Structure formats: structure tokens, C-alpha cells
Amino acid sequence: MGGLIAGSRDAALKFSANIGKWQLEVIGLIKFDEAGEMTEFEVMIRPIKALQAPGDEMGTGSARNCCG
């Protein structure tokens, strides 16, 4: 399940993804400047044991198809 919460200069995204053997829960926090351009992007992944999974899968190309 996903979600979006947005203010005038920030946003929070929540989504899940299956990567390899892991079911990930992901939170993305985004901050924007006055011009609306992204200045910060922070990602939190759980469970902690799955933290390496996105990087491992990007090397194989399968991460491009995990979430959509």
C-alpha cells in the first residue's frame, strides 16, 4: 500500500516493494526550495536486513520492474 503526504515545501511518500526474497516497506522524505526544485531526498527502508537488496538488484536490472 502506498501513500503521499505533501506540504508547500516538503512531501512524504510511503510504498512497498518486493525485491528478491525481501518485502520492503519504504518511506521517502523530500524537501523543495522556493522554486519548487528538490533539495533533499531521504529514503528509509525496513526491515534493516533488506537494506542491501535494492543495490544488489540494481546490478541485475530487475529493480526496474519491482515496483510498477
C-alpha atoms as a PDB file:
ATOM      1  CA  MET A   1       0.000   0.000   0.000  1.00  0.00           C
ATOM      2  CA  GLY A   2       1.292   3.453  -0.843  1.00  0.00           C
ATOM      3  CA  GLY A   3       0.591   6.971   0.174  1.00  0.00           C
ATOM      4  CA  LEU A   4       1.577  10.601  -0.230  1.00  0.00           C
ATOM      5  CA  ILE A   5       1.510  13.499   2.222  1.00  0.00           C
ATOM      6  CA  ALA A   6       2.582  16.866   0.827  1.00  0.00           C
ATOM      7  CA  GLY A   7       3.056  20.397   2.121  1.00  0.00           C
ATOM      8  CA  SER A   8       4.138  23.501   0.274  1.00  0.00           C
ATOM      9  CA  ARG A   9       7.871  22.680   0.520  1.00  0.00           C
ATOM     10  CA  ASP A  10       8.001  19.014   1.533  1.00  0.00           C
ATOM     11  CA  ALA A  11       6.487  15.627   0.808  1.00  0.00           C
ATOM     12  CA  ALA A  12       6.482  12.135   2.298  1.00  0.00           C
ATOM     13  CA  LEU A  13       5.932   9.006   0.209  1.00  0.00           C
ATOM     14  CA  LYS A  14       5.223   5.512   1.531  1.00  0.00           C
ATOM     15  CA  PHE A  15       5.316   2.406  -0.625  1.00  0.00           C
ATOM     16  CA  SER A  16       6.228  -1.263  -0.566  1.00  0.00           C
ATOM     17  CA  ALA A  17       8.209  -3.368  -2.993  1.00  0.00           C
ATOM     18  CA  ASN A  18       9.266  -6.959  -3.444  1.00  0.00           C
ATOM     19  CA  ILE A  19      12.966  -7.263  -4.246  1.00  0.00           C
ATOM     20  CA  GLY A  20      14.385 -10.750  -4.367  1.00  0.00           C
ATOM     21  CA  LYS A  21      13.303 -12.556  -1.214  1.00  0.00           C
ATOM     22  CA  TRP A  22      12.500  -9.316   0.634  1.00  0.00           C
ATOM     23  CA  GLN A  23       9.214  -7.471   1.152  1.00  0.00           C
ATOM     24  CA  LEU A  24      10.354  -3.877   1.713  1.00  0.00           C
ATOM     25  CA  GLU A  25       8.498  -1.001   3.322  1.00  0.00           C
ATOM     26  CA  VAL A  26       9.913   2.326   2.118  1.00  0.00           C
ATOM     27  CA  ILE A  27       9.446   5.932   3.257  1.00  0.00           C
ATOM     28  CA  GLY A  28      10.803   8.797   1.131  1.00  0.00           C
ATOM     29  CA  LEU A  29      11.097  12.312   2.555  1.00  0.00           C
ATOM     30  CA  ILE A  30      11.538  15.131   0.024  1.00  0.00           C
ATOM     31  CA  LYS A  31      12.254  18.836   0.603  1.00  0.00           C
ATOM     32  CA  PHE A  32      11.878  21.568  -2.030  1.00  0.00           C
ATOM     33  CA  ASP A  33      13.275  25.103  -2.323  1.00  0.00           C
ATOM     34  CA  GLU A  34      11.277  28.252  -3.106  1.00  0.00           C
ATOM     35  CA  ALA A  35      11.468  27.496  -6.843  1.00  0.00           C
ATOM     36  CA  GLY A  36       9.943  24.043  -6.320  1.00  0.00           C
ATOM     37  CA  GLU A  37      13.191  22.182  -7.039  1.00  0.00           C
ATOM     38  CA  MET A  38      14.111  19.205  -4.905  1.00  0.00           C
ATOM     39  CA  THR A  39      16.891  19.991  -2.418  1.00  0.00           C
ATOM     40  CA  GLU A  40      16.854  16.849  -0.255  1.00  0.00           C
ATOM     41  CA  PHE A  41      15.697  13.277  -0.690  1.00  0.00           C
ATOM     42  CA  GLU A  42      15.953  10.847   2.219  1.00  0.00           C
ATOM     43  CA  VAL A  43      14.923   7.189   1.991  1.00  0.00           C
ATOM     44  CA  MET A  44      14.228   4.810   4.853  1.00  0.00           C
ATOM     45  CA  ILE A  45      13.877   1.061   4.248  1.00  0.00           C
ATOM     46  CA  ARG A  46      12.729  -1.682   6.566  1.00  0.00           C
ATOM     47  CA  PRO A  47      13.462  -4.360   7.553  1.00  0.00           C
ATOM     48  CA  ILE A  48      17.070  -3.397   8.188  1.00  0.00           C
ATOM     49  CA  LYS A  49      18.244  -6.792   6.909  1.00  0.00           C
ATOM     50  CA  ALA A  50      16.861  -5.865   3.474  1.00  0.00           C
ATOM     51  CA  LEU A  51      18.835  -2.625   3.187  1.00  0.00           C
ATOM     52  CA  GLN A  52      21.314  -4.125   0.685  1.00  0.00           C
ATOM     53  CA  ALA A  53      18.590  -5.671  -1.536  1.00  0.00           C
ATOM     54  CA  PRO A  54      17.883  -2.619  -3.781  1.00  0.00           C
ATOM     55  CA  GLY A  55      21.584  -2.163  -4.576  1.00  0.00           C
ATOM     56  CA  ASP A  56      22.058  -5.862  -5.277  1.00  0.00           C
ATOM     57  CA  GLU A  57      19.075  -5.965  -7.623  1.00  0.00           C
ATOM     58  CA  MET A  58      20.011  -2.764  -9.494  1.00  0.00           C
ATOM     59  CA  GLY A  59      23.137  -4.556 -10.624  1.00  0.00           C
ATOM     60  CA  THR A  60      20.971  -7.225 -12.271  1.00  0.00           C
ATOM     61  CA  GLY A  61      18.444  -4.792 -13.746  1.00  0.00           C
ATOM     62  CA  SER A  62      15.454  -6.446 -12.052  1.00  0.00           C
ATOM     63  CA  ALA A  63      14.816  -3.497  -9.695  1.00  0.00           C
ATOM     64  CA  ARG A  64      13.437  -1.501 -12.625  1.00  0.00           C
ATOM     65  CA  ASN A  65      10.464  -3.887 -12.712  1.00  0.00           C
ATOM     66  CA  CYS A  66       9.897  -4.333  -8.987  1.00  0.00           C
ATOM     67  CA  CYS A  67       7.502  -1.531  -8.260  1.00  0.00           C
ATOM     68  CA  GLY A  68       5.343  -0.837 -11.219  1.00  0.00           C
END
